[in-house]
C-alpha atoms as a PDB file:
ATOM      1  CA  ARG A   1      87.565 188.741  88.699  1.00  0.00           C
ATOM      2  CA  GLY A   2      87.862 191.657  91.200  1.00  0.00           C
ATOM      3  CA  GLN A   3      86.169 191.994  94.507  1.00  0.00           C
ATOM      4  CA  TYR A   4      82.899 193.175  92.965  1.00  0.00           C
ATOM      5  CA  GLU A   5      80.755 190.955  90.815  1.00  0.00           C
ATOM      6  CA  THR A   6      78.308 193.768  89.901  1.00  0.00           C
ATOM      7  CA  GLN A   7      78.738 197.479  89.543  1.00  0.00           C
ATOM      8  CA  CYS A   8      75.963 199.474  87.933  1.00  0.00           C
ATOM      9  CA  ILE A   9      75.016 203.216  87.696  1.00  0.00           C
ATOM     10  CA  THR A  10      71.671 204.485  86.562  1.00  0.00           C
ATOM     11  CA  LEU A  11      71.442 208.254  85.911  1.00  0.00           C
ATOM     12  CA  LYS A  12      68.998 210.806  84.634  1.00  0.00           C
ATOM     13  CA  PRO A  13      70.281 213.794  82.687  1.00  0.00           C
ATOM     14  CA  ASP A  14      69.793 216.046  85.873  1.00  0.00           C
ATOM     15  CA  GLY A  15      72.317 213.887  87.752  1.00  0.00           C
ATOM     16  CA  GLN A  16      69.895 211.951  89.975  1.00  0.00           C
ATOM     17  CA  GLY A  17      70.136 208.161  89.959  1.00  0.00           C
ATOM     18  CA  GLU A  18      71.223 205.181  91.778  1.00  0.00           C
ATOM     19  CA  VAL A  19      74.488 203.179  92.108  1.00  0.00           C
ATOM     20  CA  ARG A  20      74.386 199.410  92.762  1.00  0.00           C
ATOM     21  CA  PHE A  21      77.304 197.325  93.650  1.00  0.00           C
ATOM     22  CA  LYS A  22      77.793 193.784  95.066  1.00  0.00           C
ATOM     23  CA  ARG A  23      80.865 192.283  96.473  1.00  0.00           C
ATOM     24  CA  ARG A  24      81.434 188.577  96.282  1.00  0.00           C
ATOM     25  CA  GLN A  25      79.491 186.654  98.876  1.00  0.00           C
ATOM     26  CA  ALA A  26      77.718 189.948 100.015  1.00  0.00           C
ATOM     27  CA  GLU A  27      74.418 191.610  99.692  1.00  0.00           C
ATOM     28  CA  MET A  28      73.594 194.099  96.902  1.00  0.00           C
ATOM     29  CA  VAL A  29      74.167 197.640  97.933  1.00  0.00           C
ATOM     30  CA  ASN A  30      71.876 200.224  96.473  1.00  0.00           C
ATOM     31  CA  VAL A  31      72.632 203.919  96.923  1.00  0.00           C
ATOM     32  CA  ASP A  32      70.562 206.996  95.642  1.00  0.00           C
ATOM     33  CA  ILE A  33      72.877 209.599  94.315  1.00  0.00           C
ATOM     34  CA  ARG A  34      72.603 213.321  93.038  1.00  0.00           C
ATOM     35  CA  LEU A  35      75.612 214.571  91.087  1.00  0.00           C
ATOM     36  CA  SER A  36      76.822 218.086  91.666  1.00  0.00           C
ATOM     37  CA  PRO A  37      75.793 220.432  88.823  1.00  0.00           C
ATOM     38  CA  GLU A  38      79.475 220.407  87.468  1.00  0.00           C
ATOM     39  CA  ALA A  39      79.585 216.680  87.401  1.00  0.00           C
ATOM     40  CA  ALA A  40      76.114 216.464  85.712  1.00  0.00           C
ATOM     41  CA  ASP A  41      77.333 218.999  83.099  1.00  0.00           C
ATOM     42  CA  ARG A  42      80.578 216.906  82.573  1.00  0.00           C
ATOM     43  CA  LEU A  43      78.588 213.645  82.168  1.00  0.00           C
ATOM     44  CA  MET A  44      76.375 215.316  79.573  1.00  0.00           C
ATOM     45  CA  SER A  45      79.288 216.723  77.698  1.00  0.00           C
ATOM     46  CA  VAL A  46      81.091 213.198  77.757  1.00  0.00           C
ATOM     47  CA  ILE A  47      77.896 211.592  76.323  1.00  0.00           C
ATOM     48  CA  ALA A  48      77.555 214.289  73.697  1.00  0.00           C
ATOM     49  CA  ALA A  49      81.207 213.586  72.689  1.00  0.00           C
ATOM     50  CA  THR A  50      80.103 209.968  71.921  1.00  0.00           C
ATOM     51  CA  ASN A  51      77.319 211.440  69.890  1.00  0.00           C
ATOM     52  CA  ASN A  52      74.824 209.903  72.163  1.00  0.00           C
ATOM     53  CA  LEU A  53      76.363 206.451  71.706  1.00  0.00           C
ATOM     54  CA  GLU A  54      75.593 206.485  68.080  1.00  0.00           C
ATOM     55  CA  HIS A  55      78.218 203.879  67.068  1.00  0.00           C
ATOM     56  CA  ALA A  56      78.013 201.929  70.249  1.00  0.00           C
ATOM     57  CA  ALA A  57      78.304 198.650  68.322  1.00  0.00           C
ATOM     58  CA  GLU A  58      81.924 199.669  67.196  1.00  0.00           C
ATOM     59  CA  TYR A  59      83.308 200.350  70.719  1.00  0.00           C
ATOM     60  CA  GLU A  60      85.048 197.088  71.155  1.00  0.00           C
ATOM     61  CA  TYR A  61      88.826 197.119  70.175  1.00  0.00           C
ATOM     62  CA  ASN A  62      89.530 194.508  67.630  1.00  0.00           C
ATOM     63  CA  GLY A  63      93.092 193.642  68.948  1.00  0.00           C
ATOM     64  CA  LYS A  64      93.903 191.170  71.658  1.00  0.00           C
ATOM     65  CA  VAL A  65      93.365 192.530  75.112  1.00  0.00           C
ATOM     66  CA  ALA A  66      93.107 190.810  78.520  1.00  0.00           C
ATOM     67  CA  ASP A  67      89.642 190.354  80.018  1.00  0.00           C
ATOM     68  CA  LEU A  68      88.922 193.709  81.772  1.00  0.00           C
ATOM     69  CA  GLY A  69      85.314 192.929  82.588  1.00  0.00           C
ATOM     70  CA  LYS A  70      82.461 193.510  80.331  1.00  0.00           C
ATOM     71  CA  LYS A  71      81.104 197.125  80.285  1.00  0.00           C
ATOM     72  CA  THR A  72      77.677 198.016  78.990  1.00  0.00           C
ATOM     73  CA  LEU A  73      76.518 201.444  78.240  1.00  0.00           C
ATOM     74  CA  VAL A  74      72.847 202.147  77.693  1.00  0.00           C
ATOM     75  CA  LEU A  75      71.342 205.452  76.649  1.00  0.00           C
ATOM     76  CA  GLU A  76      67.563 205.823  76.643  1.00  0.00           C
ATOM     77  CA  THR A  77      66.092 208.811  74.982  1.00  0.00           C
ATOM     78  CA  ALA A  78      62.794 209.896  73.480  1.00  0.00           C
ATOM     79  CA  SER A  79      64.002 208.687  70.116  1.00  0.00           C
ATOM     80  CA  GLY A  80      65.002 205.208  71.324  1.00  0.00           C
ATOM     81  CA  ARG A  81      67.677 203.096  73.163  1.00  0.00           C
ATOM     82  CA  ARG A  82      71.258 202.725  72.291  1.00  0.00           C
ATOM     83  CA  GLU A  83      73.485 200.129  73.865  1.00  0.00           C
ATOM     84  CA  GLY A  84      77.055 199.316  73.541  1.00  0.00           C
ATOM     85  CA  THR A  85      78.982 196.462  75.169  1.00  0.00           C
ATOM     86  CA  PHE A  86      82.707 196.077  75.185  1.00  0.00           C
ATOM     87  CA  ASN A  87      85.664 194.685  77.111  1.00  0.00           C
ATOM     88  CA  TYR A  88      88.074 197.430  75.939  1.00  0.00           C
ATOM     89  CA  SER A  89      87.743 200.385  73.715  1.00  0.00           C
ATOM     90  CA  SER A  90      90.424 202.480  72.097  1.00  0.00           C
ATOM     91  CA  ARG A  91      88.045 205.300  71.319  1.00  0.00           C
ATOM     92  CA  LYS A  92      88.986 208.416  73.452  1.00  0.00           C
ATOM     93  CA  GLU A  93      85.476 209.507  74.038  1.00  0.00           C
ATOM     94  CA  VAL A  94      84.345 206.084  75.190  1.00  0.00           C
ATOM     95  CA  ILE A  95      87.350 205.890  77.531  1.00  0.00           C
ATOM     96  CA  GLU A  96      86.313 209.244  78.932  1.00  0.00           C
ATOM     97  CA  LEU A  97      82.798 207.957  79.673  1.00  0.00           C
ATOM     98  CA  GLN A  98      84.054 204.740  81.132  1.00  0.00           C
ATOM     99  CA  THR A  99      86.463 206.667  83.346  1.00  0.00           C
ATOM    100  CA  PHE A 100      83.709 208.912  84.535  1.00  0.00           C
ATOM    101  CA  PHE A 101      81.430 206.021  85.463  1.00  0.00           C
ATOM    102  CA  GLU A 102      84.319 204.188  87.141  1.00  0.00           C
ATOM    103  CA  GLY A 103      85.120 207.302  89.119  1.00  0.00           C
ATOM    104  CA  LEU A 104      81.551 207.431  90.328  1.00  0.00           C
ATOM    105  CA  ILE A 105      81.514 203.806  91.487  1.00  0.00           C
ATOM    106  CA  ASN A 106      84.830 204.237  93.134  1.00  0.00           C
ATOM    107  CA  GLN A 107      83.432 207.268  94.958  1.00  0.00           C
ATOM    108  CA  GLU A 108      80.386 205.407  96.104  1.00  0.00           C
ATOM    109  CA  GLU A 109      82.428 202.474  97.298  1.00  0.00           C
ATOM    110  CA  ILE A 110      84.567 204.969  99.333  1.00  0.00           C
ATOM    111  CA  PHE A 111      81.328 206.516 100.830  1.00  0.00           C
ATOM    112  CA  PHE A 112      80.241 203.011 101.810  1.00  0.00           C
ATOM    113  CA  ASP A 113      83.520 202.123 103.353  1.00  0.00           C
ATOM    114  CA  LEU A 114      83.910 205.465 105.263  1.00  0.00           C
ATOM    115  CA  ASP A 115      80.308 205.255 106.548  1.00  0.00           C
ATOM    116  CA  ASN A 116      81.055 201.642 107.915  1.00  0.00           C
ATOM    117  CA  ALA A 117      84.343 202.718 109.357  1.00  0.00           C
ATOM    118  CA  LEU A 118      82.545 205.557 111.186  1.00  0.00           C
ATOM    119  CA  GLN A 119      80.070 203.022 112.666  1.00  0.00           C
ATOM    120  CA  PHE A 120      82.231 200.008 113.272  1.00  0.00           C
ATOM    121  CA  GLU A 121      85.998 200.624 112.711  1.00  0.00           C
ATOM    122  CA  ARG A 122      86.875 204.077 113.804  1.00  0.00           C
ATOM    123  CA  LEU A 123      90.510 203.233 114.246  1.00  0.00           C
ATOM    124  CA  SER A 124      90.743 202.505 110.577  1.00  0.00           C
ATOM    125  CA  LEU A 125      89.608 205.876 109.412  1.00  0.00           C
ATOM    126  CA  SER A 126      93.159 207.391 109.040  1.00  0.00           C
ATOM    127  CA  LYS A 127      94.163 204.644 106.686  1.00  0.00           C
ATOM    128  CA  ARG A 128      90.894 204.951 104.670  1.00  0.00           C
ATOM    129  CA  LEU A 129      91.399 208.718 104.489  1.00  0.00           C
ATOM    130  CA  GLU A 130      94.798 208.078 102.950  1.00  0.00           C
ATOM    131  CA  PHE A 131      93.144 206.033 100.305  1.00  0.00           C
ATOM    132  CA  VAL A 132      90.595 208.869  99.675  1.00  0.00           C
ATOM    133  CA  GLU A 133      93.496 211.279  99.349  1.00  0.00           C
ATOM    134  CA  ASN A 134      95.448 208.987  96.889  1.00  0.00           C
ATOM    135  CA  GLN A 135      92.265 208.599  94.727  1.00  0.00           C
ATOM    136  CA  LEU A 136      91.681 212.366  94.735  1.00  0.00           C
ATOM    137  CA  ARG A 137      95.241 213.070  93.754  1.00  0.00           C
ATOM    138  CA  SER A 138      95.091 210.392  90.913  1.00  0.00           C
ATOM    139  CA  ASN A 139      91.840 211.892  89.590  1.00  0.00           C
ATOM    140  CA  ARG A 140      89.920 208.683  90.228  1.00  0.00           C
ATOM    141  CA  LEU A 141      86.917 210.450  91.645  1.00  0.00           C
ATOM    142  CA  SER A 142      84.277 211.783  89.176  1.00  0.00           C
ATOM    143  CA  ASP A 143      82.436 214.110  91.658  1.00  0.00           C
ATOM    144  CA  PRO A 144      84.739 214.845  94.778  1.00  0.00           C
ATOM    145  CA  VAL A 145      82.404 217.757  95.767  1.00  0.00           C
ATOM    146  CA  ARG A 146      80.003 215.041  97.051  1.00  0.00           C
ATOM    147  CA  LEU A 147      82.632 213.928  99.473  1.00  0.00           C
ATOM    148  CA  ILE A 148      82.478 217.118 101.355  1.00  0.00           C
ATOM    149  CA  PRO A 149      79.500 216.276 103.725  1.00  0.00           C
ATOM    150  CA  MET A 150      81.132 213.052 104.750  1.00  0.00           C
ATOM    151  CA  LEU A 151      84.477 214.739 105.439  1.00  0.00           C
ATOM    152  CA  GLU A 152      82.687 217.386 107.539  1.00  0.00           C
ATOM    153  CA  ARG A 153      80.955 214.663 109.400  1.00  0.00           C
ATOM    154  CA  ILE A 154      84.316 213.049 110.150  1.00  0.00           C
ATOM    155  CA  GLN A 155      85.770 216.429 111.205  1.00  0.00           C
ATOM    156  CA  ALA A 156      82.938 217.144 113.626  1.00  0.00           C
ATOM    157  CA  ASP A 157      82.994 213.724 115.290  1.00  0.00           C
ATOM    158  CA  GLN A 158      84.610 214.326 118.662  1.00  0.00           C
ATOM    159  CA  ARG A 159      84.772 210.514 119.121  1.00  0.00           C
ATOM    160  CA  LEU A 160      87.460 210.228 116.470  1.00  0.00           C
ATOM    161  CA  MET A 161      91.100 210.595 116.749  1.00  0.00           C
ATOM    162  CA  ASN A 162      92.382 214.074 116.057  1.00  0.00           C
ATOM    163  CA  ILE A 163      94.657 212.761 113.225  1.00  0.00           C
ATOM    164  CA  ALA A 164      91.597 211.498 111.298  1.00  0.00           C
ATOM    165  CA  ARG A 165      89.663 214.692 111.883  1.00  0.00           C
ATOM    166  CA  THR A 166      92.552 216.812 110.761  1.00  0.00           C
ATOM    167  CA  HIS A 167      93.124 214.684 107.680  1.00  0.00           C
ATOM    168  CA  ALA A 168      89.469 214.935 106.671  1.00  0.00           C
ATOM    169  CA  GLY A 169      89.787 218.710 107.060  1.00  0.00           C
ATOM    170  CA  LYS A 170      92.788 218.731 104.780  1.00  0.00           C
ATOM    171  CA  ILE A 171      91.090 216.541 102.097  1.00  0.00           C
ATOM    172  CA  LYS A 172      88.062 218.849 102.289  1.00  0.00           C
ATOM    173  CA  GLU A 173      90.248 221.850 101.605  1.00  0.00           C
ATOM    174  CA  ARG A 174      91.937 220.277  98.541  1.00  0.00           C
ATOM    175  CA  ILE A 175      88.589 219.534  97.136  1.00  0.00           C
ATOM    176  CA  MET A 176      87.411 223.073  97.701  1.00  0.00           C
ATOM    177  CA  GLU A 177      90.626 224.482  96.007  1.00  0.00           C
ATOM    178  CA  ARG A 178      89.791 222.346  92.954  1.00  0.00           C
ATOM    179  CA  LYS A 179      86.360 223.712  92.549  1.00  0.00           C
END
């Protein structure tokens, strides 16, 4: 029901993987990613908290909840494949895993938008950087350290307005302080 009809993340235990998302009436976007070591460790601990999706069939909350979109978690290991599909879960560990993946998708969409803005809509960068700052402040980014190269690219681009370059530098400093 949102602006995206598909959002998918595939990750290996080392943090390498791919993010795919598709806006309505648009092409599928595929992006290779590599999580920072901290984020990869956090992912593995969140998966471990679910006991490697051991009770995935029980993730769906039994009460009435609005349709929030079907979420599917799949874990493939040497011992087999575990899969859980749910609309809403009340389990804390599942919510943490869902939040982690939503933060990654959110972050990749931000990368995509910033990259497009750098190429085609330079005047919109200040507004987009405000959005990045709000997402960072609200903890809606799972691996903000990965934003640093993009922020440095914005900072170094002399074609951009000073306000956008300065804003990118401040966001970068906030991320570095959180490390």
